[in-house]
Amino acid sequence: MRIERILSSDAVLAAAELFDAPPIPAATERFLTQPGHHLLFAYDDDGRPVGMISGVEMTHPDKGTEMFIYELGVAPAARLRGIGKRLVAELAVIARRSGCYGMWVGTEVDNDAALATYRRAGAAEEAPFTLLSWDLIDGLTDG
């Protein structure tokens, strides 16, 4: 298995099955060209993409820069082989090289596979938090 940083929209579109939904070409191009945005693929020995991780460097005036793991995915046929752990470790290398003081991820409390992967990759659990979101496509309501 090899892990590569992805810089080509064509590579992303060719590995669409690794994402939750088909990649949007304009969003893909924007992600790949933004400084501090990272996309890594894991390829099997036959050159097929079998895993992906995306990360975004986030900087705040009083905290510095940290890496946010945006998404991690491994093809169903390639799971339980340590691919997710290796992708997380490789993103951590990039984060250290970029001067990030830490790395974090959020996942559902019942996503046992993700929780196990992140724990095996060395993540420490912190206090639970509540996630609030806004749906900006359908609009916000006043009040």
N, C-alpha and C. Protein backbone atom coordinates (compact mmCIF):
# COMPACT_ATOMS: atom_id res chain seq x y z
N MET A 1 0.84 -1.18 0.00
CA MET A 1 0.00 0.00 0.00
C MET A 1 0.88 1.24 0.00
N ARG A 2 0.44 2.24 -0.73
CA ARG A 2 1.14 3.53 -0.71
C ARG A 2 0.13 4.63 -0.44
N ILE A 3 0.60 5.72 0.15
CA ILE A 3 -0.24 6.87 0.43
C ILE A 3 0.32 8.05 -0.34
N GLU A 4 -0.56 8.76 -1.03
CA GLU A 4 -0.16 9.92 -1.83
C GLU A 4 -1.03 11.12 -1.50
N ARG A 5 -0.42 12.29 -1.53
CA ARG A 5 -1.19 13.53 -1.45
C ARG A 5 -1.79 13.77 -2.82
N ILE A 6 -3.06 14.10 -2.86
CA ILE A 6 -3.79 14.27 -4.12
C ILE A 6 -3.88 15.76 -4.46
N LEU A 7 -3.47 16.06 -5.67
CA LEU A 7 -3.52 17.44 -6.17
C LEU A 7 -4.34 17.57 -7.44
N SER A 8 -4.85 16.47 -7.96
CA SER A 8 -5.55 16.44 -9.24
C SER A 8 -7.03 16.12 -9.05
N SER A 9 -7.87 16.95 -9.65
CA SER A 9 -9.31 16.69 -9.64
C SER A 9 -9.63 15.36 -10.30
N ASP A 10 -8.89 15.03 -11.34
CA ASP A 10 -9.13 13.76 -12.04
C ASP A 10 -8.95 12.57 -11.10
N ALA A 11 -7.95 12.62 -10.22
CA ALA A 11 -7.73 11.53 -9.27
C ALA A 11 -8.91 11.42 -8.31
N VAL A 12 -9.45 12.55 -7.88
CA VAL A 12 -10.59 12.56 -6.97
C VAL A 12 -11.81 11.96 -7.66
N LEU A 13 -12.08 12.40 -8.86
CA LEU A 13 -13.26 11.91 -9.58
C LEU A 13 -13.13 10.42 -9.89
N ALA A 14 -11.92 9.95 -10.11
CA ALA A 14 -11.70 8.53 -10.39
C ALA A 14 -11.88 7.66 -9.15
N ALA A 15 -11.86 8.27 -7.98
CA ALA A 15 -12.01 7.54 -6.72
C ALA A 15 -13.30 7.94 -6.01
N ALA A 16 -14.32 8.26 -6.77
CA ALA A 16 -15.57 8.77 -6.22
C ALA A 16 -16.18 7.84 -5.18
N GLU A 17 -15.95 6.54 -5.30
CA GLU A 17 -16.56 5.58 -4.37
C GLU A 17 -16.03 5.71 -2.94
N LEU A 18 -14.93 6.43 -2.76
CA LEU A 18 -14.38 6.63 -1.41
C LEU A 18 -15.11 7.72 -0.63
N PHE A 19 -15.91 8.51 -1.31
CA PHE A 19 -16.58 9.65 -0.69
C PHE A 19 -18.03 9.31 -0.35
N ASP A 20 -18.64 10.08 0.54
CA ASP A 20 -20.03 9.87 0.92
C ASP A 20 -20.98 10.08 -0.25
N ALA A 21 -20.63 11.01 -1.12
CA ALA A 21 -21.44 11.34 -2.30
C ALA A 21 -20.48 11.64 -3.44
N PRO A 22 -20.96 11.65 -4.68
CA PRO A 22 -20.06 11.96 -5.79
C PRO A 22 -19.40 13.33 -5.61
N PRO A 23 -18.09 13.40 -5.81
CA PRO A 23 -17.41 14.69 -5.70
C PRO A 23 -17.97 15.71 -6.69
N ILE A 24 -18.09 16.92 -6.23
CA ILE A 24 -18.55 18.04 -7.06
C ILE A 24 -17.32 18.67 -7.69
N PRO A 25 -17.23 18.70 -9.02
CA PRO A 25 -16.00 19.19 -9.66
C PRO A 25 -15.53 20.56 -9.17
N ALA A 26 -16.41 21.54 -9.07
CA ALA A 26 -15.99 22.89 -8.65
C ALA A 26 -15.51 22.88 -7.19
N ALA A 27 -16.20 22.15 -6.32
CA ALA A 27 -15.78 22.08 -4.93
C ALA A 27 -14.47 21.32 -4.79
N THR A 28 -14.30 20.29 -5.61
CA THR A 28 -13.05 19.53 -5.61
C THR A 28 -11.88 20.43 -5.97
N GLU A 29 -12.03 21.18 -7.03
CA GLU A 29 -10.97 22.08 -7.48
C GLU A 29 -10.67 23.13 -6.43
N ARG A 30 -11.69 23.68 -5.83
CA ARG A 30 -11.49 24.69 -4.78
C ARG A 30 -10.75 24.09 -3.59
N PHE A 31 -11.16 22.89 -3.15
CA PHE A 31 -10.50 22.25 -2.01
C PHE A 31 -9.03 22.02 -2.31
N LEU A 32 -8.74 21.48 -3.49
CA LEU A 32 -7.37 21.12 -3.82
C LEU A 32 -6.44 22.32 -3.98
N THR A 33 -7.00 23.49 -4.28
CA THR A 33 -6.15 24.66 -4.52
C THR A 33 -6.03 25.57 -3.30
N GLN A 34 -6.78 25.30 -2.25
CA GLN A 34 -6.72 26.13 -1.05
C GLN A 34 -5.50 25.77 -0.21
N PRO A 35 -4.70 26.76 0.18
CA PRO A 35 -3.60 26.46 1.11
C PRO A 35 -4.16 25.89 2.41
N GLY A 36 -3.47 24.92 2.95
CA GLY A 36 -3.89 24.33 4.21
C GLY A 36 -4.95 23.26 4.09
N HIS A 37 -5.35 22.94 2.87
CA HIS A 37 -6.29 21.84 2.64
C HIS A 37 -5.49 20.65 2.14
N HIS A 38 -5.74 19.48 2.73
CA HIS A 38 -4.96 18.29 2.41
C HIS A 38 -5.88 17.12 2.10
N LEU A 39 -5.57 16.40 1.04
CA LEU A 39 -6.31 15.20 0.67
C LEU A 39 -5.30 14.11 0.35
N LEU A 40 -5.42 12.99 1.06
CA LEU A 40 -4.52 11.86 0.87
C LEU A 40 -5.33 10.64 0.47
N PHE A 41 -4.79 9.86 -0.45
CA PHE A 41 -5.38 8.58 -0.83
C PHE A 41 -4.42 7.47 -0.48
N ALA A 42 -4.98 6.34 -0.10
CA ALA A 42 -4.23 5.10 0.05
C ALA A 42 -4.55 4.25 -1.17
N TYR A 43 -3.51 3.68 -1.77
CA TYR A 43 -3.66 2.81 -2.93
C TYR A 43 -3.18 1.41 -2.57
N ASP A 44 -3.90 0.40 -3.06
CA ASP A 44 -3.45 -0.98 -2.82
C ASP A 44 -2.31 -1.32 -3.77
N ASP A 45 -1.81 -2.54 -3.68
CA ASP A 45 -0.66 -2.95 -4.49
C ASP A 45 -0.97 -2.98 -5.98
N ASP A 46 -2.26 -3.00 -6.34
CA ASP A 46 -2.65 -2.97 -7.75
C ASP A 46 -2.94 -1.55 -8.23
N GLY A 47 -2.71 -0.55 -7.38
CA GLY A 47 -2.91 0.84 -7.76
C GLY A 47 -4.34 1.33 -7.62
N ARG A 48 -5.20 0.56 -6.98
CA ARG A 48 -6.59 0.99 -6.79
C ARG A 48 -6.69 1.84 -5.52
N PRO A 49 -7.45 2.94 -5.57
CA PRO A 49 -7.66 3.74 -4.36
C PRO A 49 -8.54 2.97 -3.38
N VAL A 50 -8.06 2.82 -2.14
CA VAL A 50 -8.80 2.06 -1.14
C VAL A 50 -9.10 2.86 0.13
N GLY A 51 -8.60 4.08 0.21
CA GLY A 51 -8.87 4.91 1.38
C GLY A 51 -8.55 6.36 1.12
N MET A 52 -9.19 7.23 1.89
CA MET A 52 -8.92 8.66 1.77
C MET A 52 -9.06 9.33 3.12
N ILE A 53 -8.34 10.42 3.26
CA ILE A 53 -8.50 11.30 4.43
C ILE A 53 -8.34 12.74 3.93
N SER A 54 -9.18 13.60 4.45
CA SER A 54 -9.04 15.03 4.15
C SER A 54 -8.86 15.77 5.47
N GLY A 55 -8.02 16.78 5.41
CA GLY A 55 -7.76 17.60 6.58
C GLY A 55 -7.68 19.06 6.20
N VAL A 56 -8.03 19.91 7.15
CA VAL A 56 -8.01 21.35 6.93
C VAL A 56 -7.30 22.01 8.10
N GLU A 57 -6.28 22.80 7.80
CA GLU A 57 -5.60 23.58 8.84
C GLU A 57 -6.50 24.74 9.24
N MET A 58 -6.69 24.88 10.53
CA MET A 58 -7.54 25.95 11.06
C MET A 58 -6.70 26.80 12.02
N THR A 59 -6.71 28.11 11.79
CA THR A 59 -5.90 29.03 12.59
C THR A 59 -6.81 30.01 13.32
N HIS A 60 -6.49 30.23 14.59
CA HIS A 60 -7.23 31.19 15.41
C HIS A 60 -6.22 32.09 16.09
N PRO A 61 -6.55 33.40 16.26
CA PRO A 61 -5.57 34.34 16.80
C PRO A 61 -4.97 33.95 18.15
N ASP A 62 -5.76 33.34 19.04
CA ASP A 62 -5.21 33.04 20.36
C ASP A 62 -4.87 31.57 20.56
N LYS A 63 -4.94 30.79 19.51
CA LYS A 63 -4.66 29.36 19.66
C LYS A 63 -3.56 28.86 18.72
N GLY A 64 -3.40 29.50 17.62
CA GLY A 64 -2.47 29.01 16.62
C GLY A 64 -3.19 28.13 15.61
N THR A 65 -2.47 27.18 15.03
CA THR A 65 -3.02 26.36 13.95
C THR A 65 -3.13 24.91 14.39
N GLU A 66 -4.28 24.33 14.10
CA GLU A 66 -4.50 22.92 14.36
C GLU A 66 -5.06 22.27 13.10
N MET A 67 -4.94 20.94 13.01
CA MET A 67 -5.46 20.20 11.86
C MET A 67 -6.80 19.59 12.24
N PHE A 68 -7.79 19.84 11.42
CA PHE A 68 -9.10 19.24 11.56
C PHE A 68 -9.22 18.10 10.55
N ILE A 69 -9.47 16.90 11.04
CA ILE A 69 -9.74 15.78 10.13
C ILE A 69 -11.17 15.94 9.66
N TYR A 70 -11.32 16.26 8.40
CA TYR A 70 -12.65 16.53 7.85
C TYR A 70 -13.38 15.24 7.55
N GLU A 71 -12.67 14.29 6.94
CA GLU A 71 -13.32 13.02 6.59
C GLU A 71 -12.28 11.93 6.41
N LEU A 72 -12.66 10.74 6.80
CA LEU A 72 -11.84 9.54 6.62
C LEU A 72 -12.74 8.48 6.04
N GLY A 73 -12.29 7.82 4.99
CA GLY A 73 -13.07 6.75 4.40
C GLY A 73 -12.18 5.65 3.88
N VAL A 74 -12.61 4.41 4.09
CA VAL A 74 -11.90 3.24 3.58
C VAL A 74 -12.92 2.38 2.85
N ALA A 75 -12.55 1.91 1.67
CA ALA A 75 -13.44 1.05 0.89
C ALA A 75 -13.82 -0.18 1.71
N PRO A 76 -15.08 -0.59 1.66
CA PRO A 76 -15.51 -1.73 2.48
C PRO A 76 -14.63 -2.98 2.34
N ALA A 77 -14.20 -3.30 1.15
CA ALA A 77 -13.38 -4.50 0.95
C ALA A 77 -11.97 -4.36 1.53
N ALA A 78 -11.58 -3.15 1.89
CA ALA A 78 -10.22 -2.91 2.38
C ALA A 78 -10.18 -2.59 3.87
N ARG A 79 -11.30 -2.70 4.54
CA ARG A 79 -11.35 -2.35 5.97
C ARG A 79 -10.67 -3.41 6.83
N LEU A 80 -10.32 -3.01 8.03
CA LEU A 80 -9.68 -3.87 9.03
C LEU A 80 -8.27 -4.30 8.62
N ARG A 81 -7.60 -3.45 7.86
CA ARG A 81 -6.22 -3.71 7.43
C ARG A 81 -5.27 -2.61 7.89
N GLY A 82 -5.74 -1.68 8.70
CA GLY A 82 -4.89 -0.61 9.20
C GLY A 82 -4.76 0.58 8.26
N ILE A 83 -5.55 0.61 7.19
CA ILE A 83 -5.45 1.70 6.22
C ILE A 83 -5.87 3.03 6.84
N GLY A 84 -6.97 3.04 7.58
CA GLY A 84 -7.42 4.27 8.23
C GLY A 84 -6.39 4.80 9.20
N LYS A 85 -5.82 3.92 9.99
CA LYS A 85 -4.78 4.32 10.95
C LYS A 85 -3.58 4.92 10.23
N ARG A 86 -3.18 4.31 9.13
CA ARG A 86 -2.02 4.85 8.38
C ARG A 86 -2.33 6.20 7.76
N LEU A 87 -3.55 6.38 7.27
CA LEU A 87 -3.94 7.68 6.72
C LEU A 87 -3.92 8.76 7.80
N VAL A 88 -4.45 8.44 8.97
CA VAL A 88 -4.43 9.40 10.08
C VAL A 88 -2.99 9.75 10.45
N ALA A 89 -2.14 8.75 10.53
CA ALA A 89 -0.73 8.98 10.89
C ALA A 89 -0.05 9.86 9.85
N GLU A 90 -0.33 9.65 8.59
CA GLU A 90 0.30 10.45 7.53
C GLU A 90 -0.20 11.90 7.58
N LEU A 91 -1.49 12.09 7.87
CA LEU A 91 -2.00 13.46 8.01
C LEU A 91 -1.36 14.13 9.22
N ALA A 92 -1.11 13.38 10.28
CA ALA A 92 -0.43 13.94 11.46
C ALA A 92 0.98 14.40 11.11
N VAL A 93 1.68 13.65 10.25
CA VAL A 93 3.01 14.07 9.79
C VAL A 93 2.92 15.42 9.09
N ILE A 94 1.94 15.56 8.21
CA ILE A 94 1.75 16.82 7.49
C ILE A 94 1.41 17.94 8.48
N ALA A 95 0.57 17.64 9.45
CA ALA A 95 0.19 18.65 10.45
C ALA A 95 1.40 19.14 11.23
N ARG A 96 2.24 18.20 11.67
CA ARG A 96 3.47 18.61 12.40
C ARG A 96 4.36 19.46 11.51
N ARG A 97 4.54 19.02 10.27
CA ARG A 97 5.39 19.75 9.33
C ARG A 97 4.84 21.16 9.07
N SER A 98 3.51 21.31 9.15
CA SER A 98 2.88 22.61 8.90
C SER A 98 2.84 23.48 10.15
N GLY A 99 3.34 22.96 11.27
CA GLY A 99 3.38 23.74 12.49
C GLY A 99 2.11 23.67 13.33
N CYS A 100 1.26 22.70 13.07
CA CYS A 100 0.03 22.55 13.85
C CYS A 100 0.38 22.08 15.27
N TYR A 101 -0.31 22.63 16.26
CA TYR A 101 -0.08 22.23 17.64
C TYR A 101 -0.88 21.00 18.01
N GLY A 102 -1.88 20.64 17.20
CA GLY A 102 -2.71 19.48 17.49
C GLY A 102 -3.56 19.12 16.29
N MET A 103 -4.31 18.05 16.46
CA MET A 103 -5.19 17.56 15.41
C MET A 103 -6.45 17.04 16.09
N TRP A 104 -7.62 17.24 15.47
CA TRP A 104 -8.86 16.80 16.09
C TRP A 104 -9.86 16.32 15.04
N VAL A 105 -10.83 15.57 15.52
CA VAL A 105 -11.88 15.05 14.67
C VAL A 105 -13.15 14.90 15.51
N GLY A 106 -14.26 14.99 14.88
CA GLY A 106 -15.54 14.68 15.51
C GLY A 106 -16.18 13.53 14.76
N THR A 107 -16.86 12.66 15.48
CA THR A 107 -17.59 11.56 14.84
C THR A 107 -18.79 11.21 15.71
N GLU A 108 -19.70 10.48 15.14
CA GLU A 108 -20.90 10.09 15.86
C GLU A 108 -20.53 9.14 17.00
N VAL A 109 -21.25 9.23 18.11
CA VAL A 109 -20.93 8.41 19.28
C VAL A 109 -21.15 6.93 19.03
N ASP A 110 -21.94 6.57 18.03
CA ASP A 110 -22.18 5.16 17.73
C ASP A 110 -21.40 4.65 16.52
N ASN A 111 -20.44 5.43 16.04
CA ASN A 111 -19.62 5.01 14.90
C ASN A 111 -18.41 4.24 15.45
N ASP A 112 -18.66 2.98 15.79
CA ASP A 112 -17.64 2.17 16.45
C ASP A 112 -16.38 2.01 15.60
N ALA A 113 -16.53 1.87 14.28
CA ALA A 113 -15.36 1.70 13.42
C ALA A 113 -14.48 2.94 13.44
N ALA A 114 -15.08 4.11 13.33
CA ALA A 114 -14.31 5.36 13.35
C ALA A 114 -13.65 5.55 14.70
N LEU A 115 -14.40 5.33 15.77
CA LEU A 115 -13.82 5.51 17.11
C LEU A 115 -12.64 4.57 17.32
N ALA A 116 -12.77 3.32 16.89
CA ALA A 116 -11.66 2.36 17.05
C ALA A 116 -10.45 2.80 16.23
N THR A 117 -10.68 3.27 15.01
CA THR A 117 -9.58 3.71 14.15
C THR A 117 -8.84 4.87 14.79
N TYR A 118 -9.57 5.88 15.24
CA TYR A 118 -8.92 7.06 15.82
C TYR A 118 -8.19 6.71 17.12
N ARG A 119 -8.77 5.83 17.91
CA ARG A 119 -8.10 5.41 19.14
C ARG A 119 -6.81 4.66 18.81
N ARG A 120 -6.86 3.75 17.83
CA ARG A 120 -5.65 3.01 17.43
C ARG A 120 -4.58 3.95 16.89
N ALA A 121 -5.02 5.06 16.32
CA ALA A 121 -4.08 6.03 15.77
C ALA A 121 -3.55 6.98 16.84
N GLY A 122 -3.94 6.78 18.10
CA GLY A 122 -3.39 7.56 19.19
C GLY A 122 -4.23 8.71 19.69
N ALA A 123 -5.45 8.85 19.20
CA ALA A 123 -6.29 9.96 19.65
C ALA A 123 -6.74 9.74 21.09
N ALA A 124 -6.82 10.83 21.82
CA ALA A 124 -7.33 10.80 23.19
C ALA A 124 -8.72 11.42 23.19
N GLU A 125 -9.63 10.82 23.94
CA GLU A 125 -10.99 11.36 24.00
C GLU A 125 -11.03 12.55 24.94
N GLU A 126 -11.82 13.53 24.55
CA GLU A 126 -12.05 14.70 25.39
C GLU A 126 -13.50 14.70 25.83
N ALA A 127 -13.87 15.68 26.57
CA ALA A 127 -15.25 15.79 27.05
C ALA A 127 -16.20 15.86 25.86
N PRO A 128 -17.38 15.25 25.98
CA PRO A 128 -18.36 15.35 24.89
C PRO A 128 -18.79 16.80 24.68
N PHE A 129 -19.27 17.07 23.49
CA PHE A 129 -19.75 18.41 23.20
C PHE A 129 -21.01 18.29 22.37
N THR A 130 -21.71 19.39 22.25
CA THR A 130 -22.93 19.44 21.45
C THR A 130 -22.60 20.13 20.14
N LEU A 131 -23.02 19.54 19.06
CA LEU A 131 -22.82 20.11 17.73
C LEU A 131 -24.09 20.82 17.29
N LEU A 132 -23.97 22.06 16.92
CA LEU A 132 -25.07 22.84 16.40
C LEU A 132 -24.73 23.20 14.96
N SER A 133 -25.73 23.23 14.08
CA SER A 133 -25.43 23.52 12.68
C SER A 133 -26.53 24.40 12.08
N TRP A 134 -26.20 25.02 10.98
CA TRP A 134 -27.12 25.85 10.23
C TRP A 134 -27.23 25.27 8.83
N ASP A 135 -28.43 25.16 8.32
CA ASP A 135 -28.65 24.75 6.93
C ASP A 135 -28.75 26.02 6.10
N LEU A 136 -27.67 26.35 5.42
CA LEU A 136 -27.61 27.61 4.68
C LEU A 136 -28.18 27.48 3.27
N ILE A 137 -28.40 26.29 2.82
CA ILE A 137 -28.99 26.11 1.48
C ILE A 137 -30.47 26.41 1.51
N ASP A 138 -31.16 25.88 2.52
CA ASP A 138 -32.61 26.10 2.63
C ASP A 138 -32.94 27.43 3.29
N GLY A 139 -31.94 28.09 3.82
CA GLY A 139 -32.16 29.38 4.45
C GLY A 139 -32.33 29.27 5.95
N LEU A 140 -32.16 30.37 6.60
CA LEU A 140 -32.32 30.46 8.04
C LEU A 140 -33.66 31.13 8.36
N THR A 141 -34.19 30.76 9.48
CA THR A 141 -35.40 31.43 9.93
C THR A 141 -35.03 32.46 10.97
N ASP A 142 -35.76 33.55 10.99
CA ASP A 142 -35.54 34.58 12.01
C ASP A 142 -36.21 34.16 13.29
N GLY A 143 -35.60 34.54 14.39
CA GLY A 143 -36.28 34.33 15.64
C GLY A 143 -35.61 33.36 16.46
